[in-house]
Amino acid sequence: VTGIVCGSDLMALGAIRAARQRGLAVPGDVSVVGYDDSPLM
């Protein structure tokens, strides 16, 4: 996948962590969208 839609902001932060652990850049290699727009995002 090149883009990931997440059901919450916290899940999106986990997705960014997963991409970086594989040496991939966000958003250069993988784009991530969260959900909620909770504080500090």
Full PDB file with SEQRES, HELIX, SHEET, SSBOND, CRYST1, ORIGX, SCALE, CONECT and MASTER records, all heavy atoms in Angstrom:
SEQRES   1 A   41  VAL THR GLY ILE VAL CYS GLY SER ASP LEU MET ALA LEU          
SEQRES   2 A   41  GLY ALA ILE ARG ALA ALA ARG GLN ARG GLY LEU ALA VAL          
SEQRES   3 A   41  PRO GLY ASP VAL SER VAL VAL GLY TYR ASP ASP SER PRO          
SEQRES   4 A   41  LEU MET                                                      
HELIX    1 AA1 ASP A    9  GLN A   21  1                                  13    
SHEET    1 AA1 2 GLY A   3  VAL A   5  0                                        
SHEET    2 AA1 2 SER A  31  VAL A  33  1                                        
CRYST1    1.000    1.000    1.000  90.00  90.00  90.00 P 1           1          
ORIGX1      1.000000  0.000000  0.000000        0.00000                         
ORIGX2      0.000000  1.000000  0.000000        0.00000                         
ORIGX3      0.000000  0.000000  1.000000        0.00000                         
SCALE1      1.000000  0.000000  0.000000        0.00000                         
SCALE2      0.000000  1.000000  0.000000        0.00000                         
SCALE3      0.000000  0.000000  1.000000        0.00000                         
ATOM      1  N   VAL A   1       0.843  -1.194   0.000  1.00  0.00           N  
ATOM      2  CA  VAL A   1       0.000   0.000   0.000  1.00  0.00           C  
ATOM      3  C   VAL A   1       0.878   1.244   0.000  1.00  0.00           C  
ATOM      4  O   VAL A   1       2.000   1.236   0.514  1.00  0.00           O  
ATOM      5  CB  VAL A   1      -0.954   0.034   1.214  1.00  0.00           C  
ATOM      6  CG1 VAL A   1      -1.865  -1.193   1.230  1.00  0.00           C  
ATOM      7  CG2 VAL A   1      -0.193   0.174   2.516  1.00  0.00           C  
ATOM      8  N   THR A   2       0.369   2.314  -0.593  1.00  0.00           N  
ATOM      9  CA  THR A   2       1.081   3.596  -0.557  1.00  0.00           C  
ATOM     10  C   THR A   2       0.350   4.618   0.302  1.00  0.00           C  
ATOM     11  O   THR A   2       0.892   5.674   0.611  1.00  0.00           O  
ATOM     12  CB  THR A   2       1.236   4.168  -1.976  1.00  0.00           C  
ATOM     13  OG1 THR A   2      -0.069   4.454  -2.511  1.00  0.00           O  
ATOM     14  CG2 THR A   2       1.955   3.183  -2.889  1.00  0.00           C  
ATOM     15  N   GLY A   3      -0.895   4.308   0.663  1.00  0.00           N  
ATOM     16  CA  GLY A   3      -1.673   5.187   1.522  1.00  0.00           C  
ATOM     17  C   GLY A   3      -2.438   4.364   2.541  1.00  0.00           C  
ATOM     18  O   GLY A   3      -2.883   3.250   2.243  1.00  0.00           O  
ATOM     19  N   ILE A   4      -2.586   4.899   3.751  1.00  0.00           N  
ATOM     20  CA  ILE A   4      -3.296   4.180   4.813  1.00  0.00           C  
ATOM     21  C   ILE A   4      -4.301   5.129   5.469  1.00  0.00           C  
ATOM     22  O   ILE A   4      -3.939   6.223   5.918  1.00  0.00           O  
ATOM     23  CB  ILE A   4      -2.331   3.645   5.885  1.00  0.00           C  
ATOM     24  CG1 ILE A   4      -1.296   2.702   5.255  1.00  0.00           C  
ATOM     25  CG2 ILE A   4      -3.104   2.919   6.978  1.00  0.00           C  
ATOM     26  CD1 ILE A   4      -0.262   2.191   6.242  1.00  0.00           C  
ATOM     27  N   VAL A   5      -5.554   4.694   5.521  1.00  0.00           N  
ATOM     28  CA  VAL A   5      -6.621   5.404   6.217  1.00  0.00           C  
ATOM     29  C   VAL A   5      -6.817   4.720   7.562  1.00  0.00           C  
ATOM     30  O   VAL A   5      -6.992   3.501   7.622  1.00  0.00           O  
ATOM     31  CB  VAL A   5      -7.929   5.371   5.406  1.00  0.00           C  
ATOM     32  CG1 VAL A   5      -9.078   5.984   6.204  1.00  0.00           C  
ATOM     33  CG2 VAL A   5      -7.744   6.084   4.074  1.00  0.00           C  
ATOM     34  N   CYS A   6      -6.784   5.491   8.648  1.00  0.00           N  
ATOM     35  CA  CYS A   6      -6.835   4.911   9.994  1.00  0.00           C  
ATOM     36  C   CYS A   6      -8.110   5.315  10.724  1.00  0.00           C  
ATOM     37  O   CYS A   6      -8.641   6.409  10.524  1.00  0.00           O  
ATOM     38  CB  CYS A   6      -5.615   5.349  10.797  1.00  0.00           C  
ATOM     39  SG  CYS A   6      -4.050   4.857  10.046  1.00  0.00           S  
ATOM     40  N   GLY A   7      -8.564   4.416  11.610  1.00  0.00           N  
ATOM     41  CA  GLY A   7      -9.787   4.655  12.356  1.00  0.00           C  
ATOM     42  C   GLY A   7      -9.644   5.560  13.552  1.00  0.00           C  
ATOM     43  O   GLY A   7     -10.634   5.915  14.194  1.00  0.00           O  
ATOM     44  N   SER A   8      -8.422   5.948  13.885  1.00  0.00           N  
ATOM     45  CA  SER A   8      -8.193   6.903  14.971  1.00  0.00           C  
ATOM     46  C   SER A   8      -6.820   7.524  14.780  1.00  0.00           C  
ATOM     47  O   SER A   8      -5.977   6.993  14.055  1.00  0.00           O  
ATOM     48  CB  SER A   8      -8.269   6.225  16.346  1.00  0.00           C  
ATOM     49  OG  SER A   8      -7.114   5.438  16.585  1.00  0.00           O  
ATOM     50  N   ASP A   9      -6.599   8.641  15.440  1.00  0.00           N  
ATOM     51  CA  ASP A   9      -5.283   9.288  15.368  1.00  0.00           C  
ATOM     52  C   ASP A   9      -4.200   8.412  15.993  1.00  0.00           C  
ATOM     53  O   ASP A   9      -3.069   8.353  15.500  1.00  0.00           O  
ATOM     54  CB  ASP A   9      -5.316  10.643  16.075  1.00  0.00           C  
ATOM     55  CG  ASP A   9      -6.134  11.677  15.317  1.00  0.00           C  
ATOM     56  OD1 ASP A   9      -6.309  11.516  14.098  1.00  0.00           O  
ATOM     57  OD2 ASP A   9      -6.592  12.640  15.951  1.00  0.00           O  
ATOM     58  N   LEU A  10      -4.535   7.721  17.088  1.00  0.00           N  
ATOM     59  CA  LEU A  10      -3.528   6.878  17.723  1.00  0.00           C  
ATOM     60  C   LEU A  10      -3.123   5.730  16.807  1.00  0.00           C  
ATOM     61  O   LEU A  10      -1.945   5.360  16.737  1.00  0.00           O  
ATOM     62  CB  LEU A  10      -4.063   6.336  19.057  1.00  0.00           C  
ATOM     63  CG  LEU A  10      -4.305   7.368  20.160  1.00  0.00           C  
ATOM     64  CD1 LEU A  10      -4.676   6.677  21.461  1.00  0.00           C  
ATOM     65  CD2 LEU A  10      -3.085   8.262  20.372  1.00  0.00           C  
ATOM     66  N   MET A  11      -4.079   5.157  16.095  1.00  0.00           N  
ATOM     67  CA  MET A  11      -3.741   4.108  15.137  1.00  0.00           C  
ATOM     68  C   MET A  11      -2.854   4.673  14.025  1.00  0.00           C  
ATOM     69  O   MET A  11      -1.936   3.995  13.539  1.00  0.00           O  
ATOM     70  CB  MET A  11      -5.005   3.487  14.545  1.00  0.00           C  
ATOM     71  CG  MET A  11      -5.888   2.783  15.559  1.00  0.00           C  
ATOM     72  SD  MET A  11      -7.277   1.903  14.804  1.00  0.00           S  
ATOM     73  CE  MET A  11      -6.552   0.264  14.634  1.00  0.00           C  
ATOM     74  N   ALA A  12      -3.112   5.913  13.627  1.00  0.00           N  
ATOM     75  CA  ALA A  12      -2.295   6.545  12.586  1.00  0.00           C  
ATOM     76  C   ALA A  12      -0.858   6.739  13.062  1.00  0.00           C  
ATOM     77  O   ALA A  12       0.097   6.538  12.303  1.00  0.00           O  
ATOM     78  CB  ALA A  12      -2.906   7.884  12.183  1.00  0.00           C  
ATOM     79  N   LEU A  13      -0.679   7.110  14.319  1.00  0.00           N  
ATOM     80  CA  LEU A  13       0.674   7.241  14.859  1.00  0.00           C  
ATOM     81  C   LEU A  13       1.386   5.894  14.872  1.00  0.00           C  
ATOM     82  O   LEU A  13       2.589   5.796  14.623  1.00  0.00           O  
ATOM     83  CB  LEU A  13       0.627   7.845  16.258  1.00  0.00           C  
ATOM     84  CG  LEU A  13       0.061   9.263  16.355  1.00  0.00           C  
ATOM     85  CD1 LEU A  13       0.100   9.753  17.795  1.00  0.00           C  
ATOM     86  CD2 LEU A  13       0.796  10.220  15.443  1.00  0.00           C  
ATOM     87  N   GLY A  14       0.630   4.828  15.159  1.00  0.00           N  
ATOM     88  CA  GLY A  14       1.207   3.496  15.077  1.00  0.00           C  
ATOM     89  C   GLY A  14       1.601   3.132  13.658  1.00  0.00           C  
ATOM     90  O   GLY A  14       2.627   2.478  13.429  1.00  0.00           O  
ATOM     91  N   ALA A  15       0.790   3.564  12.676  1.00  0.00           N  
ATOM     92  CA  ALA A  15       1.108   3.287  11.272  1.00  0.00           C  
ATOM     93  C   ALA A  15       2.388   4.006  10.851  1.00  0.00           C  
ATOM     94  O   ALA A  15       3.216   3.457  10.119  1.00  0.00           O  
ATOM     95  CB  ALA A  15      -0.065   3.717  10.388  1.00  0.00           C  
ATOM     96  N   ILE A  16       2.565   5.232  11.321  1.00  0.00           N  
ATOM     97  CA  ILE A  16       3.796   5.970  11.005  1.00  0.00           C  
ATOM     98  C   ILE A  16       5.002   5.265  11.614  1.00  0.00           C  
ATOM     99  O   ILE A  16       6.052   5.122  10.978  1.00  0.00           O  
ATOM    100  CB  ILE A  16       3.684   7.423  11.513  1.00  0.00           C  
ATOM    101  CG1 ILE A  16       2.590   8.174  10.740  1.00  0.00           C  
ATOM    102  CG2 ILE A  16       5.022   8.147  11.383  1.00  0.00           C  
ATOM    103  CD1 ILE A  16       2.285   9.551  11.280  1.00  0.00           C  
ATOM    104  N   ARG A  17       4.840   4.790  12.824  1.00  0.00           N  
ATOM    105  CA  ARG A  17       5.937   4.055  13.462  1.00  0.00           C  
ATOM    106  C   ARG A  17       6.284   2.802  12.648  1.00  0.00           C  
ATOM    107  O   ARG A  17       7.460   2.488  12.428  1.00  0.00           O  
ATOM    108  CB  ARG A  17       5.549   3.669  14.887  1.00  0.00           C  
ATOM    109  CG  ARG A  17       6.599   2.829  15.589  1.00  0.00           C  
ATOM    110  CD  ARG A  17       6.053   2.237  16.869  1.00  0.00           C  
ATOM    111  NE  ARG A  17       5.983   3.206  17.941  1.00  0.00           N  
ATOM    112  CZ  ARG A  17       5.426   2.965  19.136  1.00  0.00           C  
ATOM    113  NH1 ARG A  17       4.876   1.790  19.365  1.00  0.00           N  
ATOM    114  NH2 ARG A  17       5.404   3.889  20.065  1.00  0.00           N  
ATOM    115  N   ALA A  18       5.263   2.070  12.179  1.00  0.00           N  
ATOM    116  CA  ALA A  18       5.501   0.848  11.406  1.00  0.00           C  
ATOM    117  C   ALA A  18       6.259   1.151  10.121  1.00  0.00           C  
ATOM    118  O   ALA A  18       7.166   0.413   9.726  1.00  0.00           O  
ATOM    119  CB  ALA A  18       4.174   0.166  11.095  1.00  0.00           C  
ATOM    120  N   ALA A  19       5.886   2.238   9.453  1.00  0.00           N  
ATOM    121  CA  ALA A  19       6.564   2.608   8.212  1.00  0.00           C  
ATOM    122  C   ALA A  19       8.032   2.924   8.478  1.00  0.00           C  
ATOM    123  O   ALA A  19       8.930   2.453   7.772  1.00  0.00           O  
ATOM    124  CB  ALA A  19       5.860   3.798   7.566  1.00  0.00           C  
ATOM    125  N   ARG A  20       8.298   3.686   9.516  1.00  0.00           N  
ATOM    126  CA  ARG A  20       9.672   4.099   9.792  1.00  0.00           C  
ATOM    127  C   ARG A  20      10.537   2.934  10.256  1.00  0.00           C  
ATOM    128  O   ARG A  20      11.742   2.888   9.984  1.00  0.00           O  
ATOM    129  CB  ARG A  20       9.656   5.223  10.820  1.00  0.00           C  
ATOM    130  CG  ARG A  20       9.164   6.524  10.183  1.00  0.00           C  
ATOM    131  CD  ARG A  20       9.166   7.661  11.149  1.00  0.00           C  
ATOM    132  NE  ARG A  20       9.059   8.922  10.419  1.00  0.00           N  
ATOM    133  CZ  ARG A  20       8.793  10.067  10.981  1.00  0.00           C  
ATOM    134  NH1 ARG A  20       8.608  10.131  12.279  1.00  0.00           N  
ATOM    135  NH2 ARG A  20       8.710  11.171  10.260  1.00  0.00           N  
ATOM    136  N   GLN A  21       9.936   1.994  10.935  1.00  0.00           N  
ATOM    137  CA  GLN A  21      10.707   0.822  11.344  1.00  0.00           C  
ATOM    138  C   GLN A  21      11.162   0.010  10.133  1.00  0.00           C  
ATOM    139  O   GLN A  21      12.098  -0.777  10.242  1.00  0.00           O  
ATOM    140  CB  GLN A  21       9.871  -0.047  12.294  1.00  0.00           C  
ATOM    141  CG  GLN A  21       9.733   0.546  13.691  1.00  0.00           C  
ATOM    142  CD  GLN A  21       8.877  -0.311  14.597  1.00  0.00           C  
ATOM    143  OE1 GLN A  21       8.124  -1.177  14.142  1.00  0.00           O  
ATOM    144  NE2 GLN A  21       8.971  -0.061  15.897  1.00  0.00           N  
ATOM    145  N   ARG A  22      10.481   0.188   9.001  1.00  0.00           N  
ATOM    146  CA  ARG A  22      10.853  -0.511   7.774  1.00  0.00           C  
ATOM    147  C   ARG A  22      11.698   0.363   6.853  1.00  0.00           C  
ATOM    148  O   ARG A  22      11.881   0.055   5.679  1.00  0.00           O  
ATOM    149  CB  ARG A  22       9.586  -0.985   7.057  1.00  0.00           C  
ATOM    150  CG  ARG A  22       8.929  -2.160   7.769  1.00  0.00           C  
ATOM    151  CD  ARG A  22       7.469  -2.340   7.385  1.00  0.00           C  
ATOM    152  NE  ARG A  22       6.928  -3.530   8.055  1.00  0.00           N  
ATOM    153  CZ  ARG A  22       6.555  -3.573   9.328  1.00  0.00           C  
ATOM    154  NH1 ARG A  22       6.666  -2.485  10.084  1.00  0.00           N  
ATOM    155  NH2 ARG A  22       6.079  -4.691   9.842  1.00  0.00           N  
ATOM    156  N   GLY A  23      12.187   1.472   7.381  1.00  0.00           N  
ATOM    157  CA  GLY A  23      13.042   2.354   6.608  1.00  0.00           C  
ATOM    158  C   GLY A  23      12.303   3.206   5.599  1.00  0.00           C  
ATOM    159  O   GLY A  23      12.916   3.733   4.667  1.00  0.00           O  
ATOM    160  N   LEU A  24      10.998   3.354   5.761  1.00  0.00           N  
ATOM    161  CA  LEU A  24      10.187   4.130   4.826  1.00  0.00           C  
ATOM    162  C   LEU A  24       9.890   5.503   5.399  1.00  0.00           C  
ATOM    163  O   LEU A  24       9.751   5.672   6.617  1.00  0.00           O  
ATOM    164  CB  LEU A  24       8.877   3.403   4.519  1.00  0.00           C  
ATOM    165  CG  LEU A  24       9.023   1.993   3.931  1.00  0.00           C  
ATOM    166  CD1 LEU A  24       7.659   1.334   3.807  1.00  0.00           C  
ATOM    167  CD2 LEU A  24       9.721   2.045   2.579  1.00  0.00           C  
ATOM    168  N   ALA A  25       9.787   6.470   4.508  1.00  0.00           N  
ATOM    169  CA  ALA A  25       9.500   7.845   4.915  1.00  0.00           C  
ATOM    170  C   ALA A  25       7.998   8.101   4.856  1.00  0.00           C  
ATOM    171  O   ALA A  25       7.289   7.599   3.993  1.00  0.00           O  
ATOM    172  CB  ALA A  25      10.220   8.828   3.997  1.00  0.00           C  
ATOM    173  N   VAL A  26       7.527   8.895   5.804  1.00  0.00           N  
ATOM    174  CA  VAL A  26       6.141   9.388   5.805  1.00  0.00           C  
ATOM    175  C   VAL A  26       6.213  10.898   5.715  1.00  0.00           C  
ATOM    176  O   VAL A  26       6.821  11.546   6.571  1.00  0.00           O  
ATOM    177  CB  VAL A  26       5.398   8.967   7.100  1.00  0.00           C  
ATOM    178  CG1 VAL A  26       3.982   9.545   7.106  1.00  0.00           C  
ATOM    179  CG2 VAL A  26       5.349   7.448   7.236  1.00  0.00           C  
ATOM    180  N   PRO A  27       5.699  11.489   4.611  1.00  0.00           N  
ATOM    181  CA  PRO A  27       4.846  10.868   3.593  1.00  0.00           C  
ATOM    182  C   PRO A  27       5.559  10.453   2.316  1.00  0.00           C  
ATOM    183  O   PRO A  27       4.884  10.117   1.338  1.00  0.00           O  
ATOM    184  CB  PRO A  27       3.872  11.990   3.293  1.00  0.00           C  
ATOM    185  CG  PRO A  27       4.728  13.233   3.367  1.00  0.00           C  
ATOM    186  CD  PRO A  27       5.708  12.956   4.487  1.00  0.00           C  
ATOM    187  N   GLY A  28       6.890  10.466   2.279  1.00  0.00           N  
ATOM    188  CA  GLY A  28       7.588  10.199   1.031  1.00  0.00           C  
ATOM    189  C   GLY A  28       7.254   8.862   0.408  1.00  0.00           C  
ATOM    190  O   GLY A  28       7.042   8.761  -0.802  1.00  0.00           O  
ATOM    191  N   ASP A  29       7.196   7.795   1.239  1.00  0.00           N  
ATOM    192  CA  ASP A  29       6.897   6.461   0.734  1.00  0.00           C  
ATOM    193  C   ASP A  29       5.484   6.012   1.068  1.00  0.00           C  
ATOM    194  O   ASP A  29       4.867   5.274   0.298  1.00  0.00           O  
ATOM    195  CB  ASP A  29       7.896   5.452   1.307  1.00  0.00           C  
ATOM    196  CG  ASP A  29       9.317   5.733   0.844  1.00  0.00           C  
ATOM    197  OD1 ASP A  29       9.527   5.810  -0.377  1.00  0.00           O  
ATOM    198  OD2 ASP A  29      10.201   5.902   1.703  1.00  0.00           O  
ATOM    199  N   VAL A  30       4.995   6.408   2.217  1.00  0.00           N  
ATOM    200  CA  VAL A  30       3.656   6.010   2.661  1.00  0.00           C  
ATOM    201  C   VAL A  30       2.940   7.237   3.211  1.00  0.00           C  
ATOM    202  O   VAL A  30       3.499   7.954   4.050  1.00  0.00           O  
ATOM    203  CB  VAL A  30       3.722   4.923   3.761  1.00  0.00           C  
ATOM    204  CG1 VAL A  30       2.309   4.533   4.197  1.00  0.00           C  
ATOM    205  CG2 VAL A  30       4.477   3.701   3.269  1.00  0.00           C  
ATOM    206  N   SER A  31       1.729   7.485   2.741  1.00  0.00           N  
ATOM    207  CA  SER A  31       0.903   8.570   3.274  1.00  0.00           C  
ATOM    208  C   SER A  31      -0.082   7.991   4.293  1.00  0.00           C  
ATOM    209  O   SER A  31      -0.628   6.902   4.090  1.00  0.00           O  
ATOM    210  CB  SER A  31       0.130   9.266   2.147  1.00  0.00           C  
ATOM    211  OG  SER A  31       0.987  10.071   1.369  1.00  0.00           O  
ATOM    212  N   VAL A  32      -0.302   8.727   5.382  1.00  0.00           N  
ATOM    213  CA  VAL A  32      -1.152   8.243   6.478  1.00  0.00           C  
ATOM    214  C   VAL A  32      -2.182   9.309   6.836  1.00  0.00           C  
ATOM    215  O   VAL A  32      -1.838  10.490   7.000  1.00  0.00           O  
ATOM    216  CB  VAL A  32      -0.297   7.894   7.714  1.00  0.00           C  
ATOM    217  CG1 VAL A  32      -1.194   7.468   8.884  1.00  0.00           C  
ATOM    218  CG2 VAL A  32       0.711   6.799   7.389  1.00  0.00           C  
ATOM    219  N   VAL A  33      -3.448   8.870   6.966  1.00  0.00           N  
ATOM    220  CA  VAL A  33      -4.538   9.760   7.372  1.00  0.00           C  
ATOM    221  C   VAL A  33      -5.143   9.221   8.661  1.00  0.00           C  
ATOM    222  O   VAL A  33      -5.497   8.043   8.753  1.00  0.00           O  
ATOM    223  CB  VAL A  33      -5.635   9.850   6.291  1.00  0.00           C  
ATOM    224  CG1 VAL A  33      -6.747  10.813   6.741  1.00  0.00           C  
ATOM    225  CG2 VAL A  33      -5.045  10.297   4.962  1.00  0.00           C  
ATOM    226  N   GLY A  34      -5.271  10.066   9.668  1.00  0.00           N  
ATOM    227  CA  GLY A  34      -5.879   9.669  10.933  1.00  0.00           C  
ATOM    228  C   GLY A  34      -7.356   9.999  10.970  1.00  0.00           C  
ATOM    229  O   GLY A  34      -7.979  10.351   9.966  1.00  0.00           O  
ATOM    230  N   TYR A  35      -7.909   9.879  12.175  1.00  0.00           N  
ATOM    231  CA  TYR A  35      -9.320  10.222  12.387  1.00  0.00           C  
ATOM    232  C   TYR A  35      -9.491  10.702  13.821  1.00  0.00           C  
ATOM    233  O   TYR A  35      -9.032  10.052  14.760  1.00  0.00           O  
ATOM    234  CB  TYR A  35     -10.217   9.011  12.151  1.00  0.00           C  
ATOM    235  CG  TYR A  35     -11.672   9.272  12.484  1.00  0.00           C  
ATOM    236  CD1 TYR A  35     -12.479   9.994  11.607  1.00  0.00           C  
ATOM    237  CD2 TYR A  35     -12.231   8.820  13.668  1.00  0.00           C  
ATOM    238  CE1 TYR A  35     -13.809  10.244  11.915  1.00  0.00           C  
ATOM    239  CE2 TYR A  35     -13.553   9.070  13.986  1.00  0.00           C  
ATOM    240  CZ  TYR A  35     -14.334   9.779  13.107  1.00  0.00           C  
ATOM    241  OH  TYR A  35     -15.651  10.031  13.422  1.00  0.00           O  
ATOM    242  N   ASP A  36     -10.134  11.826  13.992  1.00  0.00           N  
ATOM    243  CA  ASP A  36     -10.498  12.492  15.249  1.00  0.00           C  
ATOM    244  C   ASP A  36     -10.016  13.934  15.258  1.00  0.00           C  
ATOM    245  O   ASP A  36     -10.743  14.822  15.672  1.00  0.00           O  
ATOM    246  CB  ASP A  36      -9.923  11.805  16.498  1.00  0.00           C  
ATOM    247  CG  ASP A  36     -10.688  10.560  16.900  1.00  0.00           C  
ATOM    248  OD1 ASP A  36     -11.887  10.469  16.577  1.00  0.00           O  
ATOM    249  OD2 ASP A  36     -10.074   9.668  17.532  1.00  0.00           O  
ATOM    250  N   ASP A  37      -8.774  14.178  14.837  1.00  0.00           N  
ATOM    251  CA  ASP A  37      -8.080  15.446  15.050  1.00  0.00           C  
ATOM    252  C   ASP A  37      -8.059  15.759  16.539  1.00  0.00           C  
ATOM    253  O   ASP A  37      -8.466  16.830  16.987  1.00  0.00           O  
ATOM    254  CB  ASP A  37      -8.697  16.607  14.263  1.00  0.00           C  
ATOM    255  CG  ASP A  37      -7.762  17.825  14.243  1.00  0.00           C  
ATOM    256  OD1 ASP A  37      -6.533  17.606  14.304  1.00  0.00           O  
ATOM    257  OD2 ASP A  37      -8.248  18.958  14.170  1.00  0.00           O  
ATOM    258  N   SER A  38      -7.588  14.791  17.298  1.00  0.00           N  
ATOM    259  CA  SER A  38      -7.480  14.979  18.734  1.00  0.00           C  
ATOM    260  C   SER A  38      -6.346  15.943  19.060  1.00  0.00           C  
ATOM    261  O   SER A  38      -5.502  16.230  18.206  1.00  0.00           O  
ATOM    262  CB  SER A  38      -7.260  13.620  19.425  1.00  0.00           C  
ATOM    263  OG  SER A  38      -6.310  12.843  18.735  1.00  0.00           O  
ATOM    264  N   PRO A  39      -6.316  16.484  20.275  1.00  0.00           N  
ATOM    265  CA  PRO A  39      -5.300  17.476  20.640  1.00  0.00           C  
ATOM    266  C   PRO A  39      -3.877  16.991  20.368  1.00  0.00           C  
ATOM    267  O   PRO A  39      -3.562  15.817  20.528  1.00  0.00           O  
ATOM    268  CB  PRO A  39      -5.547  17.685  22.141  1.00  0.00           C  
ATOM    269  CG  PRO A  39      -7.002  17.386  22.320  1.00  0.00           C  
ATOM    270  CD  PRO A  39      -7.300  16.282  21.359  1.00  0.00           C  
ATOM    271  N   LEU A  40      -3.050  17.907  19.925  1.00  0.00           N  
ATOM    272  CA  LEU A  40      -1.615  17.727  19.671  1.00  0.00           C  
ATOM    273  C   LEU A  40      -1.292  17.050  18.340  1.00  0.00           C  
ATOM    274  O   LEU A  40      -0.117  16.882  18.017  1.00  0.00           O  
ATOM    275  CB  LEU A  40      -0.934  16.945  20.807  1.00  0.00           C  
ATOM    276  CG  LEU A  40      -1.065  17.542  22.212  1.00  0.00           C  
ATOM    277  CD1 LEU A  40      -0.314  16.686  23.216  1.00  0.00           C  
ATOM    278  CD2 LEU A  40      -0.562  18.969  22.244  1.00  0.00           C  
ATOM    279  N   MET A  41      -2.285  16.682  17.540  1.00  0.00           N  
ATOM    280  CA  MET A  41      -1.980  16.030  16.265  1.00  0.00           C  
ATOM    281  C   MET A  41      -1.297  16.980  15.277  1.00  0.00           C  
ATOM    282  O   MET A  41      -0.658  16.535  14.330  1.00  0.00           O  
ATOM    283  CB  MET A  41      -3.253  15.452  15.633  1.00  0.00           C  
ATOM    284  CG  MET A  41      -3.821  14.264  16.375  1.00  0.00           C  
ATOM    285  SD  MET A  41      -2.638  12.911  16.607  1.00  0.00           S  
ATOM    286  CE  MET A  41      -2.302  13.041  18.360  1.00  0.00           C  
TER     287      MET A  41                                                      
MASTER        0    0    0    1    2    0    0    6  286    1    0    4          
END                                                                             
